[in-house]
C-alpha atoms as a PDB file:
ATOM      1  CA  MET A   1      22.555  12.106  14.302  1.00  0.00           C
ATOM      2  CA  ILE A   2      24.651  10.857  17.200  1.00  0.00           C
ATOM      3  CA  VAL A   3      21.546  10.860  19.403  1.00  0.00           C
ATOM      4  CA  ALA A   4      19.632   8.870  16.778  1.00  0.00           C
ATOM      5  CA  GLU A   5      22.392   6.296  16.343  1.00  0.00           C
ATOM      6  CA  THR A   6      22.856   5.938  20.091  1.00  0.00           C
ATOM      7  CA  ALA A   7      19.125   5.494  20.653  1.00  0.00           C
ATOM      8  CA  VAL A   8      19.048   2.633  18.129  1.00  0.00           C
ATOM      9  CA  GLU A   9      21.985   0.966  19.879  1.00  0.00           C
ATOM     10  CA  LEU A  10      20.057   1.257  23.168  1.00  0.00           C
ATOM     11  CA  ASN A  11      16.979  -0.354  21.559  1.00  0.00           C
ATOM     12  CA  ASN A  12      14.979   2.868  21.797  1.00  0.00           C
ATOM     13  CA  ASN A  13      13.650   3.089  18.254  1.00  0.00           C
ATOM     14  CA  GLU A  14      11.076   5.773  19.067  1.00  0.00           C
ATOM     15  CA  ALA A  15      13.788   8.116  20.406  1.00  0.00           C
ATOM     16  CA  ALA A  16      15.930   7.342  17.347  1.00  0.00           C
ATOM     17  CA  ILE A  17      13.086   8.214  14.980  1.00  0.00           C
ATOM     18  CA  SER A  18      12.405  11.421  16.911  1.00  0.00           C
ATOM     19  CA  ALA A  19      16.046  12.496  16.682  1.00  0.00           C
ATOM     20  CA  LEU A  20      16.173  11.595  12.985  1.00  0.00           C
ATOM     21  CA  ASN A  21      13.019  13.610  12.318  1.00  0.00           C
ATOM     22  CA  LYS A  22      14.541  16.642  14.064  1.00  0.00           C
ATOM     23  CA  VAL A  23      17.478  16.569  11.670  1.00  0.00           C
ATOM     24  CA  ARG A  24      15.157  16.111   8.711  1.00  0.00           C
ATOM     25  CA  ALA A  25      13.051  19.065   9.900  1.00  0.00           C
ATOM     26  CA  HIS A  26      16.162  21.228  10.151  1.00  0.00           C
ATOM     27  CA  ASN A  27      17.300  20.147   6.682  1.00  0.00           C
ATOM     28  CA  SER A  28      13.883  20.835   5.183  1.00  0.00           C
ATOM     29  CA  VAL A  29      14.115  24.457   6.344  1.00  0.00           C
ATOM     30  CA  LYS A  30      17.758  24.739   5.285  1.00  0.00           C
ATOM     31  CA  PHE A  31      17.062  23.398   1.784  1.00  0.00           C
ATOM     32  CA  THR A  32      13.487  24.675   1.409  1.00  0.00           C
ATOM     33  CA  ALA A  33      12.077  21.179   1.092  1.00  0.00           C
ATOM     34  CA  LYS A  34       9.014  19.349   2.350  1.00  0.00           C
ATOM     35  CA  TYR A  35       8.956  16.054   4.170  1.00  0.00           C
ATOM     36  CA  ASP A  36       6.736  13.849   6.319  1.00  0.00           C
ATOM     37  CA  ASP A  37       7.946  12.640   9.713  1.00  0.00           C
ATOM     38  CA  TYR A  38       8.983   9.009   9.853  1.00  0.00           C
ATOM     39  CA  VAL A  39       6.957   6.710  12.085  1.00  0.00           C
ATOM     40  CA  LEU A  40       7.835   3.262  13.395  1.00  0.00           C
ATOM     41  CA  LEU A  41       5.693   1.570  10.726  1.00  0.00           C
ATOM     42  CA  ASP A  42       7.986   2.992   8.034  1.00  0.00           C
ATOM     43  CA  PHE A  43      10.813   0.759   9.268  1.00  0.00           C
ATOM     44  CA  GLU A  44       8.855  -2.477   9.656  1.00  0.00           C
ATOM     45  CA  LYS A  45       8.871  -5.216   7.027  1.00  0.00           C
ATOM     46  CA  GLY A  46       6.792  -3.963   4.113  1.00  0.00           C
ATOM     47  CA  GLY A  47       7.090  -0.364   5.311  1.00  0.00           C
ATOM     48  CA  LEU A  48       8.538   2.520   3.327  1.00  0.00           C
ATOM     49  CA  LEU A  49      12.088   1.796   4.546  1.00  0.00           C
ATOM     50  CA  GLY A  50      11.709  -1.701   5.956  1.00  0.00           C
ATOM     51  CA  ASN A  51      14.022  -4.508   4.969  1.00  0.00           C
ATOM     52  CA  GLU A  52      13.268  -8.114   4.083  1.00  0.00           C
ATOM     53  CA  SER A  53      14.350  -9.393   7.482  1.00  0.00           C
ATOM     54  CA  GLY A  54      11.875  -7.135   9.249  1.00  0.00           C
ATOM     55  CA  ASN A  55      14.608  -5.922  11.594  1.00  0.00           C
ATOM     56  CA  ILE A  56      13.506  -2.385  12.482  1.00  0.00           C
ATOM     57  CA  ALA A  57      16.820  -1.438  14.104  1.00  0.00           C
ATOM     58  CA  ASP A  58      18.814  -2.380  10.992  1.00  0.00           C
ATOM     59  CA  ALA A  59      16.499  -0.424   8.681  1.00  0.00           C
ATOM     60  CA  LEU A  60      16.580   2.551  11.042  1.00  0.00           C
ATOM     61  CA  LYS A  61      20.383   2.487  11.304  1.00  0.00           C
ATOM     62  CA  LYS A  62      20.719   2.485   7.534  1.00  0.00           C
ATOM     63  CA  GLU A  63      18.412   5.502   7.203  1.00  0.00           C
ATOM     64  CA  ILE A  64      20.266   7.343   9.972  1.00  0.00           C
ATOM     65  CA  PHE A  65      23.602   6.836   8.220  1.00  0.00           C
ATOM     66  CA  LEU A  66      22.129   7.834   4.847  1.00  0.00           C
ATOM     67  CA  GLU A  67      20.696  11.038   6.315  1.00  0.00           C
ATOM     68  CA  LYS A  68      23.977  11.791   8.045  1.00  0.00           C
ATOM     69  CA  PHE A  69      25.933  11.149   4.852  1.00  0.00           C
ATOM     70  CA  CYS A  70      23.678  13.498   2.868  1.00  0.00           C
ATOM     71  CA  SER A  71      23.524  16.158   5.585  1.00  0.00           C
ATOM     72  CA  ILE A  72      27.178  16.540   6.474  1.00  0.00           C
ATOM     73  CA  ILE A  73      29.872  15.771   3.952  1.00  0.00           C
ATOM     74  CA  VAL A  74      32.958  15.668   6.153  1.00  0.00           C
ATOM     75  CA  LEU A  75      35.448  13.212   7.570  1.00  0.00           C
ATOM     76  CA  HIS A  76      32.857  11.885  10.044  1.00  0.00           C
ATOM     77  CA  THR A  77      30.807  10.316   7.278  1.00  0.00           C
ATOM     78  CA  TYR A  78      33.927   8.668   5.832  1.00  0.00           C
ATOM     79  CA  GLN A  79      34.603   7.185   9.263  1.00  0.00           C
ATOM     80  CA  ASP A  80      30.986   5.949   9.406  1.00  0.00           C
ATOM     81  CA  VAL A  81      31.433   4.199   6.063  1.00  0.00           C
ATOM     82  CA  LEU A  82      34.549   2.468   7.397  1.00  0.00           C
ATOM     83  CA  ARG A  83      33.164   1.438  10.786  1.00  0.00           C
ATOM     84  CA  THR A  84      29.874   0.140   9.346  1.00  0.00           C
ATOM     85  CA  LYS A  85      31.640  -1.696   6.496  1.00  0.00           C
ATOM     86  CA  ASN A  86      29.846   0.531   3.988  1.00  0.00           C
ATOM     87  CA  LEU A  87      26.328  -0.129   5.268  1.00  0.00           C
ATOM     88  CA  ILE A  88      24.927   2.573   2.968  1.00  0.00           C
ATOM     89  CA  SER A  89      26.723   1.255  -0.151  1.00  0.00           C
ATOM     90  CA  VAL A  90      28.774   4.326  -1.017  1.00  0.00           C
ATOM     91  CA  PRO A  91      30.203   3.703  -4.498  1.00  0.00           C
ATOM     92  CA  ILE A  92      33.957   3.247  -4.721  1.00  0.00           C
ATOM     93  CA  LYS A  93      35.272   5.163  -7.700  1.00  0.00           C
ATOM     94  CA  GLY A  94      38.455   4.994  -9.694  1.00  0.00           C
ATOM     95  CA  THR A  95      40.366   2.465  -7.601  1.00  0.00           C
ATOM     96  CA  GLY A  96      39.805  -0.713  -9.575  1.00  0.00           C
ATOM     97  CA  THR A  97      38.911  -2.459  -6.317  1.00  0.00           C
ATOM     98  CA  THR A  98      35.857  -3.184  -4.223  1.00  0.00           C
ATOM     99  CA  LYS A  99      37.680  -2.191  -1.031  1.00  0.00           C
ATOM    100  CA  ILE A 100      37.281   1.170   0.637  1.00  0.00           C
ATOM    101  CA  PRO A 101      40.572   2.987   1.261  1.00  0.00           C
ATOM    102  CA  GLN A 102      41.303   2.777   4.982  1.00  0.00           C
ATOM    103  CA  ARG A 103      43.629   5.736   5.307  1.00  0.00           C
ATOM    104  CA  PHE A 104      44.828   8.838   3.545  1.00  0.00           C
ATOM    105  CA  LEU A 105      48.141   8.773   1.730  1.00  0.00           C
ATOM    106  CA  TYR A 106      51.037  10.692   3.236  1.00  0.00           C
ATOM    107  CA  PRO A 107      52.481  13.426   1.027  1.00  0.00           C
ATOM    108  CA  ALA A 108      56.191  13.294   0.192  1.00  0.00           C
ATOM    109  CA  SER A 109      56.702  16.436   2.293  1.00  0.00           C
ATOM    110  CA  GLU A 110      55.595  14.491   5.380  1.00  0.00           C
ATOM    111  CA  GLU A 111      58.188  11.803   4.818  1.00  0.00           C
ATOM    112  CA  ALA A 112      60.878  14.405   4.176  1.00  0.00           C
ATOM    113  CA  SER A 113      60.163  16.703   7.121  1.00  0.00           C
ATOM    114  CA  ASN A 114      58.565  14.634   9.913  1.00  0.00           C
ATOM    115  CA  SER A 115      60.917  12.602  12.095  1.00  0.00           C
ATOM    116  CA  ASN A 116      57.863  10.696  13.394  1.00  0.00           C
ATOM    117  CA  PHE A 117      56.805   9.587   9.915  1.00  0.00           C
ATOM    118  CA  PRO A 118      55.511   6.022  10.402  1.00  0.00           C
ATOM    119  CA  GLY A 119      56.572   4.768   6.987  1.00  0.00           C
ATOM    120  CA  LEU A 120      54.578   3.938   3.910  1.00  0.00           C
ATOM    121  CA  VAL A 121      51.522   1.753   4.471  1.00  0.00           C
ATOM    122  CA  ASP A 122      49.168   0.629   1.720  1.00  0.00           C
ATOM    123  CA  GLN A 123      45.959   2.653   1.849  1.00  0.00           C
ATOM    124  CA  PHE A 124      43.837  -0.517   1.774  1.00  0.00           C
ATOM    125  CA  VAL A 125      45.347  -2.137   4.886  1.00  0.00           C
ATOM    126  CA  VAL A 126      42.523  -2.266   7.429  1.00  0.00           C
ATOM    127  CA  LEU A 127      43.169  -0.217  10.530  1.00  0.00           C
ATOM    128  CA  PRO A 128      43.101  -2.223  13.789  1.00  0.00           C
ATOM    129  CA  VAL A 129      40.151  -0.224  15.121  1.00  0.00           C
ATOM    130  CA  TYR A 130      37.942  -1.489  12.232  1.00  0.00           C
ATOM    131  CA  LYS A 131      38.903  -5.180  12.467  1.00  0.00           C
END
């Protein structure tokens, strides 16, 4: 997925689609599923995954992040949601806000036992790296 995302950033949509299809092929074997390879036309305006603006790179990026999110449920996908400002519209549950939490909460044991404890910071304060 890193290869696919990087290829899009380098304006090499064909390489991005190829890398995305490799992941999809692997997942189809892993989950005993069938799929058809994506082609460039799928991401154009009016295509299967195209957007209204007709921007192929934007449509391709969104599909790459969706595939990554569904393929690997780990901290990396959470970081993707933060750095892309929730491009794939992950629902925010149980917080009563429309903001995505920016950090994990420290447990009380951390405050009590770690002399380097940075202090309490609200979980919704945006980290400098995502500004």
